[in-house]
C-alpha atoms as a PDB file:
ATOM      1  CA  MET A   1      12.508  -9.426  53.668  1.00  0.00           C
ATOM      2  CA  ARG A   2      13.770 -11.622  50.851  1.00  0.00           C
ATOM      3  CA  ARG A   3      13.400 -10.449  47.275  1.00  0.00           C
ATOM      4  CA  LYS A   4      11.237 -12.050  44.614  1.00  0.00           C
ATOM      5  CA  ILE A   5      13.348 -13.143  41.641  1.00  0.00           C
ATOM      6  CA  VAL A   6      12.626 -14.305  38.103  1.00  0.00           C
ATOM      7  CA  ALA A   7      15.819 -15.577  36.463  1.00  0.00           C
ATOM      8  CA  GLY A   8      16.038 -16.757  32.874  1.00  0.00           C
ATOM      9  CA  ASN A   9      18.544 -19.415  31.844  1.00  0.00           C
ATOM     10  CA  TRP A  10      18.922 -19.167  28.072  1.00  0.00           C
ATOM     11  CA  LYS A  11      21.195 -22.233  27.974  1.00  0.00           C
ATOM     12  CA  MET A  12      22.873 -22.667  24.530  1.00  0.00           C
ATOM     13  CA  ASN A  13      20.342 -20.641  22.573  1.00  0.00           C
ATOM     14  CA  LEU A  14      20.154 -17.368  20.626  1.00  0.00           C
ATOM     15  CA  ASN A  15      22.915 -15.840  18.537  1.00  0.00           C
ATOM     16  CA  LEU A  16      24.324 -12.459  19.532  1.00  0.00           C
ATOM     17  CA  HIS A  17      21.743 -10.358  17.700  1.00  0.00           C
ATOM     18  CA  GLU A  18      18.788 -12.481  18.807  1.00  0.00           C
ATOM     19  CA  GLY A  19      19.963 -12.406  22.405  1.00  0.00           C
ATOM     20  CA  LEU A  20      20.462  -8.648  22.474  1.00  0.00           C
ATOM     21  CA  ASP A  21      17.018  -8.120  20.980  1.00  0.00           C
ATOM     22  CA  LEU A  22      15.485 -10.244  23.732  1.00  0.00           C
ATOM     23  CA  ALA A  23      17.488  -8.561  26.491  1.00  0.00           C
ATOM     24  CA  ARG A  24      16.498  -5.139  25.172  1.00  0.00           C
ATOM     25  CA  SER A  25      12.825  -6.098  25.021  1.00  0.00           C
ATOM     26  CA  VAL A  26      12.747  -7.444  28.580  1.00  0.00           C
ATOM     27  CA  ASP A  27      14.604  -4.379  29.848  1.00  0.00           C
ATOM     28  CA  ARG A  28      12.109  -2.051  28.135  1.00  0.00           C
ATOM     29  CA  TYR A  29       9.247  -4.013  29.612  1.00  0.00           C
ATOM     30  CA  MET A  30      10.662  -3.602  33.090  1.00  0.00           C
ATOM     31  CA  GLN A  31      11.177   0.123  32.548  1.00  0.00           C
ATOM     32  CA  LYS A  32       7.535   0.533  31.528  1.00  0.00           C
ATOM     33  CA  SER A  33       6.166  -1.710  34.273  1.00  0.00           C
ATOM     34  CA  LYS A  34       8.036   0.178  37.002  1.00  0.00           C
ATOM     35  CA  LYS A  35       7.935  -2.946  39.146  1.00  0.00           C
ATOM     36  CA  THR A  36       9.718  -2.602  42.460  1.00  0.00           C
ATOM     37  CA  ASP A  37       8.967  -5.993  44.019  1.00  0.00           C
ATOM     38  CA  VAL A  38      10.799  -8.333  41.640  1.00  0.00           C
ATOM     39  CA  ASP A  39      14.367  -8.681  40.399  1.00  0.00           C
ATOM     40  CA  VAL A  40      14.868 -10.008  36.867  1.00  0.00           C
ATOM     41  CA  ILE A  41      18.049 -11.819  35.854  1.00  0.00           C
ATOM     42  CA  MET A  42      18.916 -12.988  32.356  1.00  0.00           C
ATOM     43  CA  CYS A  43      21.624 -15.655  32.373  1.00  0.00           C
ATOM     44  CA  THR A  44      22.996 -15.644  28.862  1.00  0.00           C
ATOM     45  CA  PRO A  45      25.715 -17.413  26.901  1.00  0.00           C
ATOM     46  CA  TYR A  46      29.103 -15.766  27.386  1.00  0.00           C
ATOM     47  CA  ILE A  47      28.962 -13.994  24.022  1.00  0.00           C
ATOM     48  CA  HIS A  48      26.059 -11.796  25.169  1.00  0.00           C
ATOM     49  CA  LEU A  49      27.340 -10.740  28.578  1.00  0.00           C
ATOM     50  CA  SER A  50      29.193  -7.533  27.794  1.00  0.00           C
ATOM     51  CA  LYS A  51      26.787  -5.955  25.305  1.00  0.00           C
ATOM     52  CA  ALA A  52      23.698  -7.067  27.190  1.00  0.00           C
ATOM     53  CA  SER A  53      25.065  -5.514  30.382  1.00  0.00           C
ATOM     54  CA  GLU A  54      25.716  -2.236  28.547  1.00  0.00           C
ATOM     55  CA  LEU A  55      22.197  -1.903  27.165  1.00  0.00           C
ATOM     56  CA  LEU A  56      20.347  -2.319  30.463  1.00  0.00           C
ATOM     57  CA  ALA A  57      18.515   0.744  31.720  1.00  0.00           C
ATOM     58  CA  SER A  58      16.140  -0.760  34.290  1.00  0.00           C
ATOM     59  CA  PRO A  59      17.644  -1.071  37.789  1.00  0.00           C
ATOM     60  CA  ALA A  60      15.511  -4.187  38.272  1.00  0.00           C
ATOM     61  CA  VAL A  61      17.296  -6.147  35.531  1.00  0.00           C
ATOM     62  CA  SER A  62      20.658  -7.904  35.834  1.00  0.00           C
ATOM     63  CA  ILE A  63      22.777 -10.081  33.562  1.00  0.00           C
ATOM     64  CA  GLY A  64      24.336 -13.375  34.653  1.00  0.00           C
ATOM     65  CA  ALA A  65      26.500 -16.136  33.207  1.00  0.00           C
ATOM     66  CA  GLN A  66      25.585 -19.824  33.188  1.00  0.00           C
ATOM     67  CA  ASP A  67      28.842 -21.154  34.653  1.00  0.00           C
ATOM     68  CA  CYS A  68      32.375 -20.141  35.577  1.00  0.00           C
ATOM     69  CA  SER A  69      35.713 -21.831  36.083  1.00  0.00           C
ATOM     70  CA  ASP A  70      37.018 -22.683  39.520  1.00  0.00           C
ATOM     71  CA  LYS A  71      40.422 -21.354  38.363  1.00  0.00           C
ATOM     72  CA  SER A  72      41.346 -17.671  38.409  1.00  0.00           C
ATOM     73  CA  SER A  73      43.597 -17.707  35.310  1.00  0.00           C
ATOM     74  CA  GLY A  74      46.128 -19.822  33.456  1.00  0.00           C
ATOM     75  CA  ALA A  75      46.482 -22.446  30.744  1.00  0.00           C
ATOM     76  CA  TYR A  76      42.874 -23.668  30.780  1.00  0.00           C
ATOM     77  CA  THR A  77      41.787 -23.501  27.171  1.00  0.00           C
ATOM     78  CA  GLY A  78      38.110 -22.734  26.727  1.00  0.00           C
ATOM     79  CA  GLU A  79      37.500 -21.803  30.367  1.00  0.00           C
ATOM     80  CA  ILE A  80      36.041 -18.477  31.570  1.00  0.00           C
ATOM     81  CA  SER A  81      36.982 -17.164  35.002  1.00  0.00           C
ATOM     82  CA  ALA A  82      34.637 -15.466  37.420  1.00  0.00           C
ATOM     83  CA  ALA A  83      36.742 -12.299  37.216  1.00  0.00           C
ATOM     84  CA  MET A  84      36.322 -12.286  33.430  1.00  0.00           C
ATOM     85  CA  ILE A  85      32.567 -12.533  33.854  1.00  0.00           C
ATOM     86  CA  SER A  86      32.570  -9.715  36.388  1.00  0.00           C
ATOM     87  CA  SER A  87      34.576  -7.514  34.002  1.00  0.00           C
ATOM     88  CA  THR A  88      31.717  -7.665  31.455  1.00  0.00           C
ATOM     89  CA  GLY A  89      29.290  -5.987  33.836  1.00  0.00           C
ATOM     90  CA  ALA A  90      27.433  -9.214  34.600  1.00  0.00           C
ATOM     91  CA  THR A  91      26.620  -9.588  38.278  1.00  0.00           C
ATOM     92  CA  TYR A  92      25.333 -13.174  38.622  1.00  0.00           C
ATOM     93  CA  VAL A  93      26.492 -16.661  37.720  1.00  0.00           C
ATOM     94  CA  ILE A  94      24.660 -19.998  37.815  1.00  0.00           C
ATOM     95  CA  ILE A  95      26.660 -22.754  39.513  1.00  0.00           C
ATOM     96  CA  GLY A  96      25.737 -26.419  39.782  1.00  0.00           C
ATOM     97  CA  HIS A  97      22.997 -26.581  37.188  1.00  0.00           C
ATOM     98  CA  SER A  98      21.808 -30.145  36.713  1.00  0.00           C
ATOM     99  CA  GLU A  99      23.110 -30.149  33.137  1.00  0.00           C
ATOM    100  CA  ARG A 100      26.603 -29.266  34.356  1.00  0.00           C
ATOM    101  CA  ARG A 101      26.388 -31.945  37.033  1.00  0.00           C
ATOM    102  CA  SER A 102      25.182 -34.539  34.517  1.00  0.00           C
ATOM    103  CA  TYR A 103      26.898 -33.777  31.201  1.00  0.00           C
ATOM    104  CA  HIS A 104      30.173 -32.455  32.623  1.00  0.00           C
ATOM    105  CA  LYS A 105      30.297 -34.652  35.733  1.00  0.00           C
ATOM    106  CA  GLU A 106      30.736 -31.682  38.065  1.00  0.00           C
ATOM    107  CA  ASP A 107      30.732 -32.874  41.671  1.00  0.00           C
ATOM    108  CA  ASN A 108      30.062 -30.995  44.897  1.00  0.00           C
ATOM    109  CA  GLU A 109      33.757 -30.454  45.600  1.00  0.00           C
ATOM    110  CA  LEU A 110      34.312 -28.726  42.266  1.00  0.00           C
ATOM    111  CA  LEU A 111      31.124 -26.709  42.588  1.00  0.00           C
ATOM    112  CA  ASN A 112      32.230 -25.525  46.015  1.00  0.00           C
ATOM    113  CA  LYS A 113      35.437 -24.175  44.442  1.00  0.00           C
ATOM    114  CA  LYS A 114      33.377 -22.424  41.786  1.00  0.00           C
ATOM    115  CA  VAL A 115      31.123 -20.812  44.388  1.00  0.00           C
ATOM    116  CA  LYS A 116      34.150 -19.459  46.229  1.00  0.00           C
ATOM    117  CA  ALA A 117      35.743 -18.228  43.000  1.00  0.00           C
ATOM    118  CA  ALA A 118      32.534 -16.424  42.050  1.00  0.00           C
ATOM    119  CA  LEU A 119      32.155 -14.782  45.456  1.00  0.00           C
ATOM    120  CA  ASP A 120      35.817 -13.731  45.390  1.00  0.00           C
ATOM    121  CA  ALA A 121      35.088 -11.995  42.076  1.00  0.00           C
ATOM    122  CA  ARG A 122      32.104 -10.255  43.706  1.00  0.00           C
ATOM    123  CA  LEU A 123      29.548 -12.113  41.657  1.00  0.00           C
ATOM    124  CA  LYS A 124      26.246 -13.236  43.115  1.00  0.00           C
ATOM    125  CA  VAL A 125      25.636 -16.962  42.829  1.00  0.00           C
ATOM    126  CA  ILE A 126      22.546 -18.890  41.797  1.00  0.00           C
ATOM    127  CA  PHE A 127      23.376 -22.275  43.309  1.00  0.00           C
ATOM    128  CA  CYS A 128      21.368 -25.185  41.938  1.00  0.00           C
ATOM    129  CA  CYS A 129      20.416 -28.386  43.719  1.00  0.00           C
ATOM    130  CA  GLY A 130      17.966 -31.150  42.997  1.00  0.00           C
ATOM    131  CA  GLU A 131      17.328 -34.862  42.561  1.00  0.00           C
ATOM    132  CA  VAL A 132      16.852 -37.108  39.551  1.00  0.00           C
ATOM    133  CA  LEU A 133      13.753 -39.288  39.112  1.00  0.00           C
ATOM    134  CA  GLU A 134      15.371 -42.470  40.476  1.00  0.00           C
ATOM    135  CA  GLU A 135      16.417 -40.659  43.662  1.00  0.00           C
ATOM    136  CA  ARG A 136      12.912 -39.301  44.199  1.00  0.00           C
ATOM    137  CA  GLU A 137      11.315 -42.694  43.569  1.00  0.00           C
ATOM    138  CA  LYS A 138      13.624 -44.182  46.208  1.00  0.00           C
ATOM    139  CA  ASN A 139      12.653 -41.384  48.617  1.00  0.00           C
ATOM    140  CA  LEU A 140      16.240 -40.105  48.645  1.00  0.00           C
ATOM    141  CA  HIS A 141      15.488 -36.595  47.409  1.00  0.00           C
ATOM    142  CA  ARG A 142      15.986 -34.903  50.765  1.00  0.00           C
ATOM    143  CA  ASP A 143      19.285 -36.683  51.390  1.00  0.00           C
ATOM    144  CA  VAL A 144      20.557 -35.804  47.914  1.00  0.00           C
ATOM    145  CA  VAL A 145      19.650 -32.131  48.179  1.00  0.00           C
ATOM    146  CA  SER A 146      21.008 -31.836  51.707  1.00  0.00           C
ATOM    147  CA  LYS A 147      24.350 -33.302  50.608  1.00  0.00           C
ATOM    148  CA  GLN A 148      24.531 -30.966  47.604  1.00  0.00           C
ATOM    149  CA  LEU A 149      23.924 -27.956  49.829  1.00  0.00           C
ATOM    150  CA  ARG A 150      26.238 -28.954  52.661  1.00  0.00           C
ATOM    151  CA  GLU A 151      29.147 -29.888  50.390  1.00  0.00           C
ATOM    152  CA  GLY A 152      28.552 -27.284  47.718  1.00  0.00           C
ATOM    153  CA  LEU A 153      28.402 -24.480  50.293  1.00  0.00           C
ATOM    154  CA  ALA A 154      31.130 -25.832  52.576  1.00  0.00           C
ATOM    155  CA  GLY A 155      33.177 -23.004  54.049  1.00  0.00           C
ATOM    156  CA  ILE A 156      30.634 -20.394  52.992  1.00  0.00           C
ATOM    157  CA  SER A 157      29.787 -17.947  55.776  1.00  0.00           C
ATOM    158  CA  ALA A 158      26.444 -16.401  56.696  1.00  0.00           C
ATOM    159  CA  ASP A 159      27.703 -13.124  55.256  1.00  0.00           C
ATOM    160  CA  ASP A 160      28.525 -14.920  51.994  1.00  0.00           C
ATOM    161  CA  LEU A 161      25.011 -16.356  51.958  1.00  0.00           C
ATOM    162  CA  ASP A 162      23.717 -12.814  51.427  1.00  0.00           C
ATOM    163  CA  ASN A 163      25.100 -13.099  47.883  1.00  0.00           C
ATOM    164  CA  ILE A 164      23.701 -16.562  47.151  1.00  0.00           C
ATOM    165  CA  VAL A 165      20.335 -17.520  45.697  1.00  0.00           C
ATOM    166  CA  ILE A 166      19.300 -21.181  45.814  1.00  0.00           C
ATOM    167  CA  ALA A 167      17.506 -22.794  42.868  1.00  0.00           C
ATOM    168  CA  TYR A 168      15.744 -26.097  43.445  1.00  0.00           C
ATOM    169  CA  GLU A 169      15.699 -28.237  40.309  1.00  0.00           C
ATOM    170  CA  PRO A 170      13.658 -31.416  40.340  1.00  0.00           C
ATOM    171  CA  VAL A 171      15.722 -32.854  37.490  1.00  0.00           C
ATOM    172  CA  TRP A 172      12.880 -35.170  36.513  1.00  0.00           C
ATOM    173  CA  ALA A 173      10.835 -32.076  35.636  1.00  0.00           C
ATOM    174  CA  ILE A 174      13.365 -30.233  33.456  1.00  0.00           C
ATOM    175  CA  GLY A 175      12.525 -30.256  29.774  1.00  0.00           C
ATOM    176  CA  THR A 176      10.151 -33.175  30.255  1.00  0.00           C
ATOM    177  CA  GLY A 177       6.892 -31.266  30.349  1.00  0.00           C
ATOM    178  CA  VAL A 178       6.351 -32.655  33.850  1.00  0.00           C
ATOM    179  CA  THR A 179       6.224 -30.130  36.662  1.00  0.00           C
ATOM    180  CA  ALA A 180       6.423 -30.689  40.386  1.00  0.00           C
ATOM    181  CA  SER A 181       3.098 -29.896  42.019  1.00  0.00           C
ATOM    182  CA  LYS A 182       2.922 -26.730  44.079  1.00  0.00           C
ATOM    183  CA  ASP A 183       2.882 -28.892  47.210  1.00  0.00           C
ATOM    184  CA  GLN A 184       5.970 -30.840  46.118  1.00  0.00           C
ATOM    185  CA  ALA A 185       7.743 -27.575  45.372  1.00  0.00           C
ATOM    186  CA  GLN A 186       6.751 -26.062  48.711  1.00  0.00           C
ATOM    187  CA  GLU A 187       7.817 -29.180  50.600  1.00  0.00           C
ATOM    188  CA  MET A 188      11.305 -29.142  49.097  1.00  0.00           C
ATOM    189  CA  HIS A 189      11.758 -25.383  49.365  1.00  0.00           C
ATOM    190  CA  ALA A 190      10.796 -25.509  53.030  1.00  0.00           C
ATOM    191  CA  TYR A 191      13.208 -28.392  53.534  1.00  0.00           C
ATOM    192  CA  ILE A 192      16.023 -26.476  51.824  1.00  0.00           C
ATOM    193  CA  ARG A 193      15.312 -23.508  54.090  1.00  0.00           C
ATOM    194  CA  SER A 194      15.517 -25.811  57.110  1.00  0.00           C
ATOM    195  CA  VAL A 195      18.937 -27.077  55.960  1.00  0.00           C
ATOM    196  CA  LEU A 196      20.114 -23.474  55.589  1.00  0.00           C
ATOM    197  CA  ALA A 197      18.693 -22.608  59.010  1.00  0.00           C
ATOM    198  CA  GLU A 198      20.588 -25.461  60.633  1.00  0.00           C
ATOM    199  CA  LYS A 199      23.830 -24.296  59.026  1.00  0.00           C
ATOM    200  CA  TYR A 200      23.454 -20.520  59.122  1.00  0.00           C
ATOM    201  CA  GLY A 201      20.659 -19.730  61.554  1.00  0.00           C
ATOM    202  CA  LYS A 202      16.971 -18.992  61.033  1.00  0.00           C
ATOM    203  CA  GLU A 203      17.385 -15.319  60.117  1.00  0.00           C
ATOM    204  CA  SER A 204      19.880 -16.001  57.316  1.00  0.00           C
ATOM    205  CA  ALA A 205      17.725 -18.837  56.001  1.00  0.00           C
ATOM    206  CA  GLU A 206      14.608 -16.663  56.013  1.00  0.00           C
ATOM    207  CA  ASN A 207      16.448 -13.984  54.038  1.00  0.00           C
ATOM    208  CA  THR A 208      17.673 -16.356  51.328  1.00  0.00           C
ATOM    209  CA  ALA A 209      15.650 -16.509  48.107  1.00  0.00           C
ATOM    210  CA  ILE A 210      14.872 -20.026  46.883  1.00  0.00           C
ATOM    211  CA  LEU A 211      13.756 -20.351  43.263  1.00  0.00           C
ATOM    212  CA  TYR A 212      11.867 -23.172  41.585  1.00  0.00           C
ATOM    213  CA  GLY A 213      13.627 -24.489  38.485  1.00  0.00           C
ATOM    214  CA  GLY A 214      11.618 -27.274  36.893  1.00  0.00           C
ATOM    215  CA  SER A 215       9.531 -26.461  33.805  1.00  0.00           C
ATOM    216  CA  CYS A 216       8.082 -23.250  35.201  1.00  0.00           C
ATOM    217  CA  LYS A 217       5.925 -21.499  32.611  1.00  0.00           C
ATOM    218  CA  PRO A 218       3.054 -18.987  32.409  1.00  0.00           C
ATOM    219  CA  SER A 219       0.461 -21.709  32.950  1.00  0.00           C
ATOM    220  CA  ASN A 220       1.832 -22.764  36.352  1.00  0.00           C
ATOM    221  CA  SER A 221       3.838 -19.826  37.707  1.00  0.00           C
ATOM    222  CA  VAL A 222       0.915 -18.357  39.658  1.00  0.00           C
ATOM    223  CA  GLU A 223       0.269 -21.478  41.723  1.00  0.00           C
ATOM    224  CA  LEU A 224       3.974 -22.253  42.187  1.00  0.00           C
ATOM    225  CA  PHE A 225       4.869 -18.724  43.271  1.00  0.00           C
ATOM    226  CA  SER A 226       1.924 -18.627  45.684  1.00  0.00           C
ATOM    227  CA  MET A 227       3.746 -21.042  47.994  1.00  0.00           C
ATOM    228  CA  ASN A 228       5.326 -19.492  51.083  1.00  0.00           C
ATOM    229  CA  ASP A 229       8.856 -20.714  50.426  1.00  0.00           C
ATOM    230  CA  VAL A 230       8.901 -20.334  46.630  1.00  0.00           C
ATOM    231  CA  ASP A 231      10.461 -16.940  45.942  1.00  0.00           C
ATOM    232  CA  GLY A 232      10.421 -17.056  42.156  1.00  0.00           C
ATOM    233  CA  GLY A 233      11.792 -19.198  39.394  1.00  0.00           C
ATOM    234  CA  LEU A 234      14.819 -20.183  37.361  1.00  0.00           C
ATOM    235  CA  ILE A 235      13.151 -20.292  33.967  1.00  0.00           C
ATOM    236  CA  GLY A 236      14.425 -22.334  31.031  1.00  0.00           C
ATOM    237  CA  GLY A 237      12.527 -22.532  27.734  1.00  0.00           C
ATOM    238  CA  ALA A 238       9.992 -19.848  28.641  1.00  0.00           C
ATOM    239  CA  SER A 239      12.793 -17.328  29.183  1.00  0.00           C
ATOM    240  CA  LEU A 240      13.538 -17.411  25.436  1.00  0.00           C
ATOM    241  CA  LYS A 241      10.114 -15.966  24.575  1.00  0.00           C
ATOM    242  CA  GLU A 242       9.526 -12.356  25.554  1.00  0.00           C
ATOM    243  CA  ASP A 243       5.775 -12.745  26.112  1.00  0.00           C
ATOM    244  CA  ASP A 244       6.118 -15.899  28.209  1.00  0.00           C
ATOM    245  CA  PHE A 245       8.957 -14.524  30.313  1.00  0.00           C
ATOM    246  CA  CYS A 246       7.203 -11.208  30.957  1.00  0.00           C
ATOM    247  CA  THR A 247       3.984 -13.048  31.834  1.00  0.00           C
ATOM    248  CA  ILE A 248       5.909 -15.010  34.464  1.00  0.00           C
ATOM    249  CA  ILE A 249       7.402 -11.751  35.779  1.00  0.00           C
ATOM    250  CA  ASP A 250       3.829 -10.439  36.066  1.00  0.00           C
ATOM    251  CA  THR A 251       3.060 -13.266  38.481  1.00  0.00           C
ATOM    252  CA  PHE A 252       4.367 -10.802  41.059  1.00  0.00           C
ATOM    253  CA  PRO A 253       1.905  -7.873  40.858  1.00  0.00           C
ATOM    254  CA  GLY A 254       4.334  -4.994  41.485  1.00  0.00           C
END
């Protein structure tokens, strides 16, 4: 049975004190709620990782980073290795977010190296895939996502897949106020699961959580999460507001 997951991606927001206050508030909420059916992940800027990991008391809450280097160490100024992230107590890392693919020109080959580096450091991976508006309008969205998955997860075994969560990002819906309909989300999540099933077998695919990552907020989380193949969300802006984020968590009754 695959887990339900609500992951927050803070992106480049919140100073150290603001971030720790938010992490503490979400952790306290989860302690009080005593939810057992949902895992909560807060993917913070690097500066928060260590202290945020230390303050957690709820077993349902984890801390993750938003990226890692494909290199293990060396003269790579400004880079952060997966082992460094792991040493902070963080247990997850986002790899392949659309903003990394777009702004930093990260291709599938590089992302594949990052996935392997993260798994070698015993981090769990939230691997992102998704199409831009032009690709969807040309009906290429399935081809694009399939290529991202096949190349980004090349050489990854079924056992490795146990430590990977997939996040589907319709890039045209990120930060635009536009959201994929529940049917569009379900269609693509089911397709992603079929790609995983072809590569890893039906059982592994059925056990892999697939999150929706395109402008998910309290007003649409209920209908999105009601879809059979939508196992939660990778939340952007709404993860920066305690009330909004906890309302999305409450989509899963517990």
